[in-house]
Amino acid sequence: MLDTMLPLVFVTLGYENFENPTFGENKADLLFIGAEEKQEVVAQVIQDIGLTPIYVGGLYQQGILDAGMRFWFALSQKFGRHVAYKVLHD
């Protein structure tokens, strides 16, 4: 039943960064999880905000996303709240 819910989003980035999701020339990435069949809709909302969506997987990945949130808070204590993730890959 939980896997039919909309993906959980917006937990790996401070709310202030939605107004200005750009860091230099880079857009911030926003990690999200949830039902696979809903990811395209949520990814479009994230793109409309100005962020790059990164789908991490189903709700079973909640622990990883929660850890990402805690890590973001640790980074924000060091660098301030205008800090974000950027996933680099080939």
N, C-alpha and C. Protein backbone atom coordinates (compact mmCIF):
# COMPACT_ATOMS: atom_id res chain seq x y z
N MET A 1 0.81 -1.19 0.00
CA MET A 1 0.00 0.00 0.00
C MET A 1 0.86 1.27 0.00
N LEU A 2 1.90 1.31 0.80
CA LEU A 2 2.74 2.51 0.85
C LEU A 2 3.38 2.82 -0.48
N ASP A 3 3.71 1.80 -1.28
CA ASP A 3 4.36 2.06 -2.56
C ASP A 3 3.45 2.74 -3.57
N THR A 4 2.15 2.84 -3.30
CA THR A 4 1.26 3.53 -4.21
C THR A 4 1.16 5.01 -3.88
N MET A 5 1.76 5.43 -2.80
CA MET A 5 1.73 6.84 -2.41
C MET A 5 2.65 7.65 -3.30
N LEU A 6 2.40 8.94 -3.37
CA LEU A 6 3.29 9.82 -4.11
C LEU A 6 4.68 9.78 -3.51
N PRO A 7 5.70 9.99 -4.32
CA PRO A 7 7.07 10.01 -3.79
C PRO A 7 7.26 11.09 -2.73
N LEU A 8 8.14 10.81 -1.81
CA LEU A 8 8.51 11.77 -0.78
C LEU A 8 9.61 12.65 -1.35
N VAL A 9 9.48 13.94 -1.20
CA VAL A 9 10.44 14.86 -1.80
C VAL A 9 10.81 15.96 -0.82
N PHE A 10 11.78 16.77 -1.24
CA PHE A 10 12.11 18.00 -0.55
C PHE A 10 12.73 17.82 0.83
N VAL A 11 13.36 16.68 1.12
CA VAL A 11 13.95 16.50 2.44
C VAL A 11 15.47 16.59 2.43
N THR A 12 16.09 16.71 1.26
CA THR A 12 17.55 16.80 1.21
C THR A 12 18.02 18.19 0.78
N LEU A 13 17.17 19.17 1.04
CA LEU A 13 17.51 20.54 0.67
C LEU A 13 16.72 21.48 1.58
N GLY A 14 17.37 22.49 2.11
CA GLY A 14 16.68 23.46 2.96
C GLY A 14 15.69 24.28 2.16
N TYR A 15 14.60 24.65 2.79
CA TYR A 15 13.52 25.37 2.11
C TYR A 15 13.99 26.67 1.46
N GLU A 16 14.99 27.31 2.04
CA GLU A 16 15.46 28.58 1.49
C GLU A 16 16.01 28.42 0.08
N ASN A 17 16.49 27.24 -0.24
CA ASN A 17 17.14 27.01 -1.52
C ASN A 17 16.16 26.82 -2.67
N PHE A 18 14.89 26.71 -2.39
CA PHE A 18 13.91 26.60 -3.47
C PHE A 18 13.75 27.92 -4.19
N GLU A 19 13.97 29.01 -3.50
CA GLU A 19 13.90 30.33 -4.14
C GLU A 19 15.11 30.56 -5.04
N ASN A 20 16.27 30.07 -4.62
CA ASN A 20 17.50 30.24 -5.39
C ASN A 20 18.25 28.92 -5.42
N PRO A 21 17.86 27.99 -6.32
CA PRO A 21 18.49 26.66 -6.36
C PRO A 21 19.77 26.61 -7.20
N THR A 22 20.34 27.77 -7.50
CA THR A 22 21.54 27.82 -8.33
C THR A 22 22.75 28.12 -7.46
N PHE A 23 23.83 27.40 -7.73
CA PHE A 23 25.09 27.54 -6.98
C PHE A 23 26.18 27.77 -8.02
N GLY A 24 26.57 29.04 -8.18
CA GLY A 24 27.47 29.36 -9.28
C GLY A 24 26.72 29.10 -10.59
N GLU A 25 27.27 28.25 -11.43
CA GLU A 25 26.62 27.90 -12.70
C GLU A 25 25.86 26.58 -12.61
N ASN A 26 25.79 25.99 -11.41
CA ASN A 26 25.16 24.68 -11.24
C ASN A 26 23.79 24.78 -10.58
N LYS A 27 22.86 23.96 -11.08
CA LYS A 27 21.58 23.79 -10.41
C LYS A 27 21.74 22.70 -9.36
N ALA A 28 21.08 22.88 -8.24
CA ALA A 28 21.11 21.85 -7.20
C ALA A 28 20.33 20.63 -7.65
N ASP A 29 20.73 19.47 -7.14
CA ASP A 29 19.98 18.24 -7.34
C ASP A 29 19.05 18.05 -6.16
N LEU A 30 17.89 17.44 -6.40
CA LEU A 30 16.99 17.10 -5.32
C LEU A 30 16.72 15.60 -5.37
N LEU A 31 17.15 14.90 -4.33
CA LEU A 31 16.96 13.46 -4.24
C LEU A 31 15.53 13.18 -3.80
N PHE A 32 14.90 12.16 -4.43
CA PHE A 32 13.56 11.79 -3.99
C PHE A 32 13.34 10.30 -4.15
N ILE A 33 12.34 9.79 -3.40
CA ILE A 33 11.99 8.37 -3.43
C ILE A 33 10.48 8.25 -3.60
N GLY A 34 10.02 7.04 -3.88
CA GLY A 34 8.58 6.79 -3.92
C GLY A 34 8.20 5.80 -4.98
N ALA A 35 6.91 5.72 -5.24
CA ALA A 35 6.37 4.78 -6.21
C ALA A 35 6.93 5.09 -7.60
N GLU A 36 7.48 4.08 -8.24
CA GLU A 36 8.12 4.28 -9.55
C GLU A 36 7.16 4.87 -10.57
N GLU A 37 5.90 4.46 -10.54
CA GLU A 37 4.95 4.95 -11.54
C GLU A 37 4.60 6.43 -11.35
N LYS A 38 4.97 7.02 -10.23
CA LYS A 38 4.71 8.45 -9.98
C LYS A 38 5.94 9.32 -10.18
N GLN A 39 7.09 8.71 -10.43
CA GLN A 39 8.32 9.50 -10.42
C GLN A 39 8.38 10.55 -11.53
N GLU A 40 7.80 10.30 -12.69
CA GLU A 40 7.87 11.28 -13.77
C GLU A 40 7.11 12.56 -13.42
N VAL A 41 5.96 12.42 -12.78
CA VAL A 41 5.17 13.58 -12.39
C VAL A 41 5.94 14.41 -11.37
N VAL A 42 6.49 13.75 -10.36
CA VAL A 42 7.22 14.46 -9.32
C VAL A 42 8.51 15.06 -9.88
N ALA A 43 9.19 14.34 -10.76
CA ALA A 43 10.41 14.87 -11.38
C ALA A 43 10.11 16.15 -12.16
N GLN A 44 8.96 16.21 -12.81
CA GLN A 44 8.60 17.42 -13.55
C GLN A 44 8.36 18.59 -12.61
N VAL A 45 7.73 18.34 -11.47
CA VAL A 45 7.52 19.40 -10.48
C VAL A 45 8.87 19.91 -9.98
N ILE A 46 9.78 18.99 -9.71
CA ILE A 46 11.11 19.38 -9.24
C ILE A 46 11.83 20.21 -10.29
N GLN A 47 11.74 19.81 -11.56
CA GLN A 47 12.35 20.58 -12.64
C GLN A 47 11.71 21.96 -12.76
N ASP A 48 10.40 22.03 -12.61
CA ASP A 48 9.70 23.32 -12.70
C ASP A 48 10.16 24.29 -11.62
N ILE A 49 10.56 23.75 -10.47
CA ILE A 49 11.09 24.59 -9.39
C ILE A 49 12.49 25.11 -9.74
N GLY A 50 13.19 24.39 -10.62
CA GLY A 50 14.54 24.81 -11.02
C GLY A 50 15.63 23.89 -10.52
N LEU A 51 15.25 22.73 -10.00
CA LEU A 51 16.21 21.76 -9.49
C LEU A 51 16.32 20.58 -10.45
N THR A 52 17.38 19.80 -10.30
CA THR A 52 17.55 18.58 -11.07
C THR A 52 17.07 17.40 -10.22
N PRO A 53 16.03 16.67 -10.67
CA PRO A 53 15.54 15.55 -9.88
C PRO A 53 16.43 14.32 -10.00
N ILE A 54 16.66 13.66 -8.87
CA ILE A 54 17.41 12.41 -8.83
C ILE A 54 16.55 11.38 -8.10
N TYR A 55 16.00 10.43 -8.87
CA TYR A 55 15.16 9.39 -8.28
C TYR A 55 16.06 8.32 -7.68
N VAL A 56 15.90 8.07 -6.38
CA VAL A 56 16.75 7.14 -5.65
C VAL A 56 16.15 5.74 -5.59
N GLY A 57 14.84 5.63 -5.68
CA GLY A 57 14.17 4.33 -5.63
C GLY A 57 12.86 4.40 -4.88
N GLY A 58 12.31 3.23 -4.59
CA GLY A 58 11.03 3.13 -3.89
C GLY A 58 11.12 3.55 -2.44
N LEU A 59 9.99 3.44 -1.77
CA LEU A 59 9.92 3.86 -0.36
C LEU A 59 10.86 3.06 0.53
N TYR A 60 11.28 1.90 0.06
CA TYR A 60 12.25 1.10 0.83
C TYR A 60 13.58 1.85 1.00
N GLN A 61 13.81 2.91 0.23
CA GLN A 61 15.03 3.71 0.32
C GLN A 61 14.90 4.88 1.30
N GLN A 62 13.84 4.89 2.09
CA GLN A 62 13.61 6.01 3.00
C GLN A 62 14.78 6.23 3.96
N GLY A 63 15.39 5.17 4.43
CA GLY A 63 16.53 5.31 5.34
C GLY A 63 17.69 6.06 4.71
N ILE A 64 17.93 5.80 3.44
CA ILE A 64 19.01 6.50 2.73
C ILE A 64 18.68 7.98 2.59
N LEU A 65 17.42 8.28 2.24
CA LEU A 65 17.03 9.67 2.09
C LEU A 65 17.08 10.39 3.44
N ASP A 66 16.66 9.71 4.51
CA ASP A 66 16.76 10.30 5.85
C ASP A 66 18.21 10.59 6.21
N ALA A 67 19.11 9.68 5.86
CA ALA A 67 20.54 9.91 6.12
C ALA A 67 21.04 11.10 5.31
N GLY A 68 20.55 11.23 4.08
CA GLY A 68 20.91 12.38 3.25
C GLY A 68 20.46 13.68 3.87
N MET A 69 19.28 13.66 4.48
CA MET A 69 18.77 14.86 5.16
C MET A 69 19.66 15.21 6.34
N ARG A 70 20.03 14.21 7.13
CA ARG A 70 20.90 14.48 8.29
C ARG A 70 22.26 15.00 7.83
N PHE A 71 22.78 14.44 6.73
CA PHE A 71 24.06 14.90 6.20
C PHE A 71 23.94 16.34 5.70
N TRP A 72 22.81 16.68 5.06
CA TRP A 72 22.61 18.06 4.61
C TRP A 72 22.65 19.01 5.81
N PHE A 73 21.99 18.63 6.90
CA PHE A 73 22.02 19.49 8.10
C PHE A 73 23.44 19.67 8.62
N ALA A 74 24.25 18.62 8.60
CA ALA A 74 25.65 18.72 9.03
C ALA A 74 26.41 19.67 8.12
N LEU A 75 26.20 19.55 6.81
CA LEU A 75 26.87 20.46 5.87
C LEU A 75 26.42 21.90 6.08
N SER A 76 25.14 22.09 6.36
CA SER A 76 24.63 23.45 6.53
C SER A 76 25.21 24.12 7.77
N GLN A 77 25.58 23.33 8.77
CA GLN A 77 26.21 23.91 9.95
C GLN A 77 27.62 24.41 9.64
N LYS A 78 28.27 23.76 8.69
CA LYS A 78 29.62 24.15 8.31
C LYS A 78 29.63 25.27 7.26
N PHE A 79 28.73 25.17 6.26
CA PHE A 79 28.75 26.09 5.11
C PHE A 79 27.60 27.08 5.06
N GLY A 80 26.65 26.98 5.97
CA GLY A 80 25.44 27.81 5.90
C GLY A 80 24.35 27.05 5.15
N ARG A 81 23.15 27.58 5.17
CA ARG A 81 22.01 26.85 4.64
C ARG A 81 21.92 26.88 3.11
N HIS A 82 22.68 27.72 2.45
CA HIS A 82 22.69 27.70 0.97
C HIS A 82 23.75 26.70 0.52
N VAL A 83 23.43 25.43 0.74
CA VAL A 83 24.29 24.30 0.39
C VAL A 83 23.38 23.21 -0.16
N ALA A 84 23.88 22.47 -1.15
CA ALA A 84 23.03 21.45 -1.79
C ALA A 84 23.88 20.32 -2.34
N TYR A 85 23.19 19.26 -2.72
CA TYR A 85 23.85 18.11 -3.36
C TYR A 85 23.95 18.31 -4.86
N LYS A 86 25.03 17.75 -5.44
CA LYS A 86 25.18 17.67 -6.89
C LYS A 86 25.71 16.27 -7.18
N VAL A 87 24.94 15.49 -7.90
CA VAL A 87 25.33 14.13 -8.25
C VAL A 87 26.04 14.18 -9.60
N LEU A 88 27.25 13.67 -9.64
CA LEU A 88 28.03 13.63 -10.88
C LEU A 88 28.14 12.18 -11.34
N HIS A 89 27.91 11.95 -12.61
CA HIS A 89 27.96 10.59 -13.15
C HIS A 89 28.23 10.63 -14.65
N ASP A 90 28.62 9.50 -15.20
CA ASP A 90 28.81 9.38 -16.65
C ASP A 90 27.52 8.97 -17.31
